[in-house]
């Protein structure tokens, strides 16, 4: 899975302001890294609700920035948390971790 970034959509959301887009990307990087840590901790603790909440946060931020791949993986984790079904969640969390690290390559 890749980030599948629609940069034009993200730029439009930033009012065609490249500087604002860069600031929004920085905020997304920071918030996603924090939410990823929450997801990992919640997964280890079996705290489905916390896992779902943190994944929901990443999903919303990714959607608003046109990051379809990131949004989709976060959605899968959110859904697993909501359903109380952690079967296969580890692979999604690993995938999410890789995508969050790829955010550093966006400009």
Protein backbone atom coordinates (compact mmCIF):
# COMPACT_ATOMS: atom_id res chain seq x y z
CA UNK A 1 0.00 0.00 0.00
CA UNK A 2 1.19 3.50 -0.73
CA UNK A 3 0.10 6.89 0.54
CA UNK A 4 -1.77 7.57 -2.74
CA UNK A 5 -1.50 11.32 -2.23
CA UNK A 6 -3.72 13.63 -4.27
CA UNK A 7 -1.53 16.71 -3.88
CA UNK A 8 -3.86 18.87 -5.98
CA UNK A 9 -6.75 18.08 -3.60
CA UNK A 10 -4.56 18.87 -0.59
CA UNK A 11 -3.41 22.14 -2.14
CA UNK A 12 -7.02 23.06 -2.88
CA UNK A 13 -7.89 22.36 0.78
CA UNK A 14 -5.06 24.74 1.72
CA UNK A 15 -6.53 27.50 -0.45
CA UNK A 16 -3.81 27.04 -3.09
CA UNK A 17 -1.26 28.25 -0.52
CA UNK A 18 1.90 26.12 -0.69
CA UNK A 19 3.20 27.51 2.59
CA UNK A 20 -0.01 26.58 4.38
CA UNK A 21 0.09 23.14 2.77
CA UNK A 22 3.61 22.62 4.16
CA UNK A 23 2.40 23.64 7.64
CA UNK A 24 -0.58 21.29 7.40
CA UNK A 25 1.72 18.44 6.37
CA UNK A 26 3.94 19.13 9.39
CA UNK A 27 0.90 19.02 11.67
CA UNK A 28 -0.24 15.79 10.03
CA UNK A 29 3.19 14.21 10.55
CA UNK A 30 3.21 15.11 14.24
CA UNK A 31 -0.38 14.11 14.96
CA UNK A 32 -0.13 10.85 12.99
CA UNK A 33 3.06 9.84 14.79
CA UNK A 34 1.38 10.48 18.14
CA UNK A 35 -1.77 8.62 17.12
CA UNK A 36 0.31 5.71 15.82
CA UNK A 37 1.93 5.38 19.24
CA UNK A 38 -1.53 5.41 20.84
CA UNK A 39 -2.65 2.66 18.45
CA UNK A 40 0.37 0.50 19.29
CA UNK A 41 -0.14 0.96 23.03
CA UNK A 42 -3.87 0.30 22.75
CA UNK A 43 -3.28 -2.80 20.65
CA UNK A 44 -0.86 -4.17 23.25
CA UNK A 45 -3.29 -3.38 26.06
CA UNK A 46 -6.30 -4.73 24.18
CA UNK A 47 -7.98 -1.33 24.45
CA UNK A 48 -10.20 -1.49 21.38
CA UNK A 49 -11.85 1.87 21.95
CA UNK A 50 -8.56 3.78 22.24
CA UNK A 51 -7.23 2.01 19.17
CA UNK A 52 -10.34 2.90 17.21
CA UNK A 53 -10.27 6.52 18.38
CA UNK A 54 -6.62 7.06 17.40
CA UNK A 55 -7.14 5.39 14.01
CA UNK A 56 -10.21 7.56 13.45
CA UNK A 57 -8.08 10.64 14.05
CA UNK A 58 -5.51 9.55 11.46
CA UNK A 59 -8.27 8.62 9.02
CA UNK A 60 -9.87 12.06 9.21
CA UNK A 61 -6.61 13.95 8.89
CA UNK A 62 -5.50 11.78 5.98
CA UNK A 63 -8.81 12.23 4.19
CA UNK A 64 -8.65 16.01 4.54
CA UNK A 65 -5.17 15.97 2.99
CA UNK A 66 -6.02 13.65 0.09
CA UNK A 67 -3.99 10.71 1.43
CA UNK A 68 -6.22 7.88 0.26
CA UNK A 69 -3.90 4.99 1.11
CA UNK A 70 -3.24 6.25 4.62
CA UNK A 71 -6.95 6.89 5.14
CA UNK A 72 -7.87 3.38 4.04
CA UNK A 73 -5.42 1.61 6.35
CA UNK A 74 -6.44 3.79 9.29
CA UNK A 75 -10.07 2.96 8.53
CA UNK A 76 -9.35 -0.78 8.67
CA UNK A 77 -7.75 -0.36 12.11
CA UNK A 78 -10.61 1.85 13.29
CA UNK A 79 -13.12 -0.76 12.15
CA UNK A 80 -11.26 -3.60 13.88
CA UNK A 81 -11.16 -1.60 17.10
CA UNK A 82 -14.83 -0.73 16.88
CA UNK A 83 -15.71 -4.38 16.27
CA UNK A 84 -13.45 -5.56 19.09
CA UNK A 85 -11.64 -7.79 16.61
CA UNK A 86 -7.88 -7.51 16.70
CA UNK A 87 -7.34 -10.51 14.41
CA UNK A 88 -5.01 -9.30 11.70
CA UNK A 89 -4.68 -5.86 13.28
CA UNK A 90 -0.91 -6.25 13.67
CA UNK A 91 -0.40 -6.34 9.91
CA UNK A 92 -2.51 -3.20 9.49
CA UNK A 93 -0.59 -1.45 12.28
CA UNK A 94 2.72 -2.37 10.60
CA UNK A 95 1.39 -1.06 7.30
CA UNK A 96 0.22 2.14 9.00
CA UNK A 97 3.63 2.58 10.58
CA UNK A 98 5.27 2.39 7.15
CA UNK A 99 2.83 4.89 5.67
CA UNK A 100 3.28 7.33 8.54
CA UNK A 101 7.05 7.19 8.00
CA UNK A 102 6.47 7.92 4.28
CA UNK A 103 4.82 11.23 5.23
CA UNK A 104 8.34 12.64 5.61
CA UNK A 105 8.81 12.35 1.84
CA UNK A 106 5.87 14.65 1.02
CA UNK A 107 6.43 18.25 0.05
